[in-house]
Amino acid sequence: MATAIKAIPTLYGEAARRFRDLADEAECRYDERPKRDITKDPSYIAMCKILERSNLSL
């Protein structure tokens, strides 16, 4: 027995414009964030140590 496919919600008019404006604003905020150095992240350092021990270093 086949399962019915649900309709995909679609935005129109003012709701679509508002969604697009919010998405553009979020993208601009993301681009303006200061970039961080991943090599100083404790998780990255731990991963490198694990890879070194397994002879798979970056």
PDB file of N, CA and C in Angstrom:
ATOM      1  N   MET A   1       0.838  -1.161   0.000  1.00  0.00           N
ATOM      2  CA  MET A   1       0.000   0.000   0.000  1.00  0.00           C
ATOM      3  C   MET A   1       0.900   1.247   0.000  1.00  0.00           C
ATOM      4  N   ALA A   2       0.635   2.190  -0.860  1.00  0.00           N
ATOM      5  CA  ALA A   2       1.449   3.398  -1.005  1.00  0.00           C
ATOM      6  C   ALA A   2       1.091   4.428   0.067  1.00  0.00           C
ATOM      7  N   THR A   3       2.098   5.169   0.475  1.00  0.00           N
ATOM      8  CA  THR A   3       1.900   6.245   1.434  1.00  0.00           C
ATOM      9  C   THR A   3       1.658   7.543   0.674  1.00  0.00           C
ATOM     10  N   ALA A   4       0.683   8.292   1.073  1.00  0.00           N
ATOM     11  CA  ALA A   4       0.385   9.555   0.398  1.00  0.00           C
ATOM     12  C   ALA A   4       1.511  10.551   0.629  1.00  0.00           C
ATOM     13  N   ILE A   5       1.835  11.312  -0.406  1.00  0.00           N
ATOM     14  CA  ILE A   5       2.869  12.341  -0.315  1.00  0.00           C
ATOM     15  C   ILE A   5       2.209  13.617   0.194  1.00  0.00           C
ATOM     16  N   LYS A   6       2.799  14.186   1.229  1.00  0.00           N
ATOM     17  CA  LYS A   6       2.245  15.412   1.807  1.00  0.00           C
ATOM     18  C   LYS A   6       2.636  16.612   0.944  1.00  0.00           C
ATOM     19  N   ALA A   7       1.766  17.585   0.897  1.00  0.00           N
ATOM     20  CA  ALA A   7       2.046  18.803   0.147  1.00  0.00           C
ATOM     21  C   ALA A   7       3.150  19.601   0.837  1.00  0.00           C
ATOM     22  N   ILE A   8       4.011  20.206   0.054  1.00  0.00           N
ATOM     23  CA  ILE A   8       5.081  21.039   0.582  1.00  0.00           C
ATOM     24  C   ILE A   8       4.522  22.439   0.797  1.00  0.00           C
ATOM     25  N   PRO A   9       4.638  22.976   2.004  1.00  0.00           N
ATOM     26  CA  PRO A   9       4.104  24.319   2.246  1.00  0.00           C
ATOM     27  C   PRO A   9       4.870  25.349   1.416  1.00  0.00           C
ATOM     28  N   THR A  10       4.150  26.262   0.798  1.00  0.00           N
ATOM     29  CA  THR A  10       4.744  27.294  -0.041  1.00  0.00           C
ATOM     30  C   THR A  10       4.292  28.659   0.453  1.00  0.00           C
ATOM     31  N   LEU A  11       5.236  29.588   0.517  1.00  0.00           N
ATOM     32  CA  LEU A  11       4.919  30.938   0.961  1.00  0.00           C
ATOM     33  C   LEU A  11       4.621  31.822  -0.243  1.00  0.00           C
ATOM     34  N   TYR A  12       3.649  32.692  -0.089  1.00  0.00           N
ATOM     35  CA  TYR A  12       3.275  33.614  -1.157  1.00  0.00           C
ATOM     36  C   TYR A  12       3.164  35.017  -0.594  1.00  0.00           C
ATOM     37  N   GLY A  13       3.301  36.004  -1.436  1.00  0.00           N
ATOM     38  CA  GLY A  13       3.035  37.391  -1.077  1.00  0.00           C
ATOM     39  C   GLY A  13       3.922  37.917   0.027  1.00  0.00           C
ATOM     40  N   GLU A  14       3.295  38.579   0.982  1.00  0.00           N
ATOM     41  CA  GLU A  14       4.019  39.243   2.065  1.00  0.00           C
ATOM     42  C   GLU A  14       4.799  38.249   2.926  1.00  0.00           C
ATOM     43  N   ALA A  15       4.255  37.075   3.154  1.00  0.00           N
ATOM     44  CA  ALA A  15       4.955  36.062   3.957  1.00  0.00           C
ATOM     45  C   ALA A  15       6.250  35.635   3.264  1.00  0.00           C
ATOM     46  N   ALA A  16       6.217  35.494   1.951  1.00  0.00           N
ATOM     47  CA  ALA A  16       7.415  35.109   1.199  1.00  0.00           C
ATOM     48  C   ALA A  16       8.463  36.214   1.256  1.00  0.00           C
ATOM     49  N   ARG A  17       8.048  37.463   1.103  1.00  0.00           N
ATOM     50  CA  ARG A  17       8.984  38.590   1.170  1.00  0.00           C
ATOM     51  C   ARG A  17       9.605  38.694   2.563  1.00  0.00           C
ATOM     52  N   ARG A  18       8.783  38.515   3.599  1.00  0.00           N
ATOM     53  CA  ARG A  18       9.291  38.588   4.972  1.00  0.00           C
ATOM     54  C   ARG A  18      10.301  37.470   5.233  1.00  0.00           C
ATOM     55  N   PHE A  19       9.989  36.263   4.773  1.00  0.00           N
ATOM     56  CA  PHE A  19      10.913  35.140   4.951  1.00  0.00           C
ATOM     57  C   PHE A  19      12.230  35.422   4.245  1.00  0.00           C
ATOM     58  N   ARG A  20      12.158  35.927   3.020  1.00  0.00           N
ATOM     59  CA  ARG A  20      13.371  36.227   2.244  1.00  0.00           C
ATOM     60  C   ARG A  20      14.197  37.311   2.939  1.00  0.00           C
ATOM     61  N   ASP A  21      13.543  38.351   3.448  1.00  0.00           N
ATOM     62  CA  ASP A  21      14.256  39.412   4.168  1.00  0.00           C
ATOM     63  C   ASP A  21      14.960  38.869   5.399  1.00  0.00           C
ATOM     64  N   LEU A  22      14.280  38.020   6.156  1.00  0.00           N
ATOM     65  CA  LEU A  22      14.892  37.426   7.353  1.00  0.00           C
ATOM     66  C   LEU A  22      16.070  36.527   6.986  1.00  0.00           C
ATOM     67  N   ALA A  23      15.940  35.780   5.894  1.00  0.00           N
ATOM     68  CA  ALA A  23      17.031  34.903   5.453  1.00  0.00           C
ATOM     69  C   ALA A  23      18.238  35.731   5.014  1.00  0.00           C
ATOM     70  N   ASP A  24      18.007  36.811   4.278  1.00  0.00           N
ATOM     71  CA  ASP A  24      19.104  37.680   3.839  1.00  0.00           C
ATOM     72  C   ASP A  24      19.794  38.337   5.030  1.00  0.00           C
ATOM     73  N   GLU A  25      19.002  38.774   6.015  1.00  0.00           N
ATOM     74  CA  GLU A  25      19.567  39.397   7.205  1.00  0.00           C
ATOM     75  C   GLU A  25      20.433  38.404   7.981  1.00  0.00           C
ATOM     76  N   ALA A  26      19.971  37.173   8.117  1.00  0.00           N
ATOM     77  CA  ALA A  26      20.743  36.149   8.824  1.00  0.00           C
ATOM     78  C   ALA A  26      22.046  35.850   8.089  1.00  0.00           C
ATOM     79  N   GLU A  27      21.997  35.835   6.770  1.00  0.00           N
ATOM     80  CA  GLU A  27      23.199  35.578   5.977  1.00  0.00           C
ATOM     81  C   GLU A  27      24.216  36.697   6.168  1.00  0.00           C
ATOM     82  N   CYS A  28      23.753  37.941   6.183  1.00  0.00           N
ATOM     83  CA  CYS A  28      24.658  39.075   6.401  1.00  0.00           C
ATOM     84  C   CYS A  28      25.296  39.010   7.783  1.00  0.00           C
ATOM     85  N   ARG A  29      24.504  38.678   8.802  1.00  0.00           N
ATOM     86  CA  ARG A  29      25.058  38.562  10.157  1.00  0.00           C
ATOM     87  C   ARG A  29      26.114  37.473  10.211  1.00  0.00           C
ATOM     88  N   TYR A  30      25.901  36.363   9.504  1.00  0.00           N
ATOM     89  CA  TYR A  30      26.874  35.264   9.500  1.00  0.00           C
ATOM     90  C   TYR A  30      28.179  35.704   8.841  1.00  0.00           C
ATOM     91  N   ASP A  31      28.091  36.436   7.729  1.00  0.00           N
ATOM     92  CA  ASP A  31      29.286  36.877   7.014  1.00  0.00           C
ATOM     93  C   ASP A  31      30.094  37.892   7.817  1.00  0.00           C
ATOM     94  N   GLU A  32      29.442  38.651   8.699  1.00  0.00           N
ATOM     95  CA  GLU A  32      30.121  39.684   9.468  1.00  0.00           C
ATOM     96  C   GLU A  32      30.790  39.155  10.733  1.00  0.00           C
ATOM     97  N   ARG A  33      30.498  37.904  11.085  1.00  0.00           N
ATOM     98  CA  ARG A  33      31.114  37.337  12.291  1.00  0.00           C
ATOM     99  C   ARG A  33      32.622  37.235  12.110  1.00  0.00           C
ATOM    100  N   PRO A  34      33.375  37.433  13.175  1.00  0.00           N
ATOM    101  CA  PRO A  34      34.828  37.238  13.059  1.00  0.00           C
ATOM    102  C   PRO A  34      35.132  35.757  12.842  1.00  0.00           C
ATOM    103  N   LYS A  35      36.042  35.508  11.945  1.00  0.00           N
ATOM    104  CA  LYS A  35      36.427  34.127  11.658  1.00  0.00           C
ATOM    105  C   LYS A  35      37.326  33.627  12.778  1.00  0.00           C
ATOM    106  N   ARG A  36      37.133  32.393  13.199  1.00  0.00           N
ATOM    107  CA  ARG A  36      37.959  31.859  14.282  1.00  0.00           C
ATOM    108  C   ARG A  36      38.926  30.824  13.722  1.00  0.00           C
ATOM    109  N   ASP A  37      40.030  30.673  14.397  1.00  0.00           N
ATOM    110  CA  ASP A  37      41.075  29.741  13.987  1.00  0.00           C
ATOM    111  C   ASP A  37      40.744  28.362  14.550  1.00  0.00           C
ATOM    112  N   ILE A  38      40.399  27.452  13.669  1.00  0.00           N
ATOM    113  CA  ILE A  38      39.980  26.111  14.112  1.00  0.00           C
ATOM    114  C   ILE A  38      41.141  25.337  14.719  1.00  0.00           C
ATOM    115  N   THR A  39      42.369  25.674  14.350  1.00  0.00           N
ATOM    116  CA  THR A  39      43.517  24.919  14.878  1.00  0.00           C
ATOM    117  C   THR A  39      43.727  25.158  16.367  1.00  0.00           C
ATOM    118  N   LYS A  40      43.079  26.162  16.939  1.00  0.00           N
ATOM    119  CA  LYS A  40      43.187  26.422  18.377  1.00  0.00           C
ATOM    120  C   LYS A  40      42.034  25.800  19.162  1.00  0.00           C
ATOM    121  N   ASP A  41      41.112  25.174  18.478  1.00  0.00           N
ATOM    122  CA  ASP A  41      39.956  24.548  19.116  1.00  0.00           C
ATOM    123  C   ASP A  41      40.401  23.261  19.825  1.00  0.00           C
ATOM    124  N   PRO A  42      40.031  23.070  21.091  1.00  0.00           N
ATOM    125  CA  PRO A  42      40.445  21.856  21.829  1.00  0.00           C
ATOM    126  C   PRO A  42      40.004  20.564  21.144  1.00  0.00           C
ATOM    127  N   SER A  43      38.854  20.552  20.519  1.00  0.00           N
ATOM    128  CA  SER A  43      38.392  19.350  19.823  1.00  0.00           C
ATOM    129  C   SER A  43      39.282  19.034  18.631  1.00  0.00           C
ATOM    130  N   TYR A  44      39.701  20.065  17.917  1.00  0.00           N
ATOM    131  CA  TYR A  44      40.577  19.881  16.764  1.00  0.00           C
ATOM    132  C   TYR A  44      41.942  19.354  17.217  1.00  0.00           C
ATOM    133  N   ILE A  45      42.456  19.913  18.306  1.00  0.00           N
ATOM    134  CA  ILE A  45      43.749  19.474  18.836  1.00  0.00           C
ATOM    135  C   ILE A  45      43.672  18.005  19.261  1.00  0.00           C
ATOM    136  N   ALA A  46      42.589  17.622  19.925  1.00  0.00           N
ATOM    137  CA  ALA A  46      42.413  16.233  20.344  1.00  0.00           C
ATOM    138  C   ALA A  46      42.324  15.311  19.133  1.00  0.00           C
ATOM    139  N   MET A  47      41.601  15.745  18.096  1.00  0.00           N
ATOM    140  CA  MET A  47      41.490  14.932  16.885  1.00  0.00           C
ATOM    141  C   MET A  47      42.856  14.727  16.248  1.00  0.00           C
ATOM    142  N   CYS A  48      43.668  15.785  16.197  1.00  0.00           N
ATOM    143  CA  CYS A  48      45.005  15.662  15.607  1.00  0.00           C
ATOM    144  C   CYS A  48      45.870  14.681  16.393  1.00  0.00           C
ATOM    145  N   LYS A  49      45.764  14.721  17.719  1.00  0.00           N
ATOM    146  CA  LYS A  49      46.537  13.780  18.538  1.00  0.00           C
ATOM    147  C   LYS A  49      46.109  12.346  18.268  1.00  0.00           C
ATOM    148  N   ILE A  50      44.814  12.120  18.151  1.00  0.00           N
ATOM    149  CA  ILE A  50      44.314  10.769  17.861  1.00  0.00           C
ATOM    150  C   ILE A  50      44.819  10.305  16.504  1.00  0.00           C
ATOM    151  N   LEU A  51      44.768  11.178  15.517  1.00  0.00           N
ATOM    152  CA  LEU A  51      45.225  10.813  14.179  1.00  0.00           C
ATOM    153  C   LEU A  51      46.725  10.562  14.139  1.00  0.00           C
ATOM    154  N   GLU A  52      47.496  11.330  14.922  1.00  0.00           N
ATOM    155  CA  GLU A  52      48.936  11.107  14.975  1.00  0.00           C
ATOM    156  C   GLU A  52      49.254   9.720  15.530  1.00  0.00           C
ATOM    157  N   ARG A  53      48.521   9.342  16.583  1.00  0.00           N
ATOM    158  CA  ARG A  53      48.745   8.025  17.185  1.00  0.00           C
ATOM    159  C   ARG A  53      48.354   6.887  16.253  1.00  0.00           C
ATOM    160  N   SER A  54      47.422   7.146  15.345  1.00  0.00           N
ATOM    161  CA  SER A  54      46.976   6.091  14.440  1.00  0.00           C
ATOM    162  C   SER A  54      47.689   6.173  13.075  1.00  0.00           C
ATOM    163  N   ASN A  55      48.710   7.022  12.980  1.00  0.00           N
ATOM    164  CA  ASN A  55      49.479   7.219  11.747  1.00  0.00           C
ATOM    165  C   ASN A  55      48.606   7.724  10.601  1.00  0.00           C
ATOM    166  N   LEU A  56      47.599   8.523  10.898  1.00  0.00           N
ATOM    167  CA  LEU A  56      46.741   9.118   9.887  1.00  0.00           C
ATOM    168  C   LEU A  56      46.748  10.642  10.014  1.00  0.00           C
ATOM    169  N   SER A  57      47.876  11.230  10.378  1.00  0.00           N
ATOM    170  CA  SER A  57      47.906  12.662  10.669  1.00  0.00           C
ATOM    171  C   SER A  57      47.563  13.507   9.454  1.00  0.00           C
ATOM    172  N   LEU A  58      47.083  14.716   9.750  1.00  0.00           N
ATOM    173  CA  LEU A  58      46.728  15.667   8.690  1.00  0.00           C
ATOM    174  C   LEU A  58      47.986  16.228   8.163  1.00  0.00           C
TER     175      LEU A  58
END
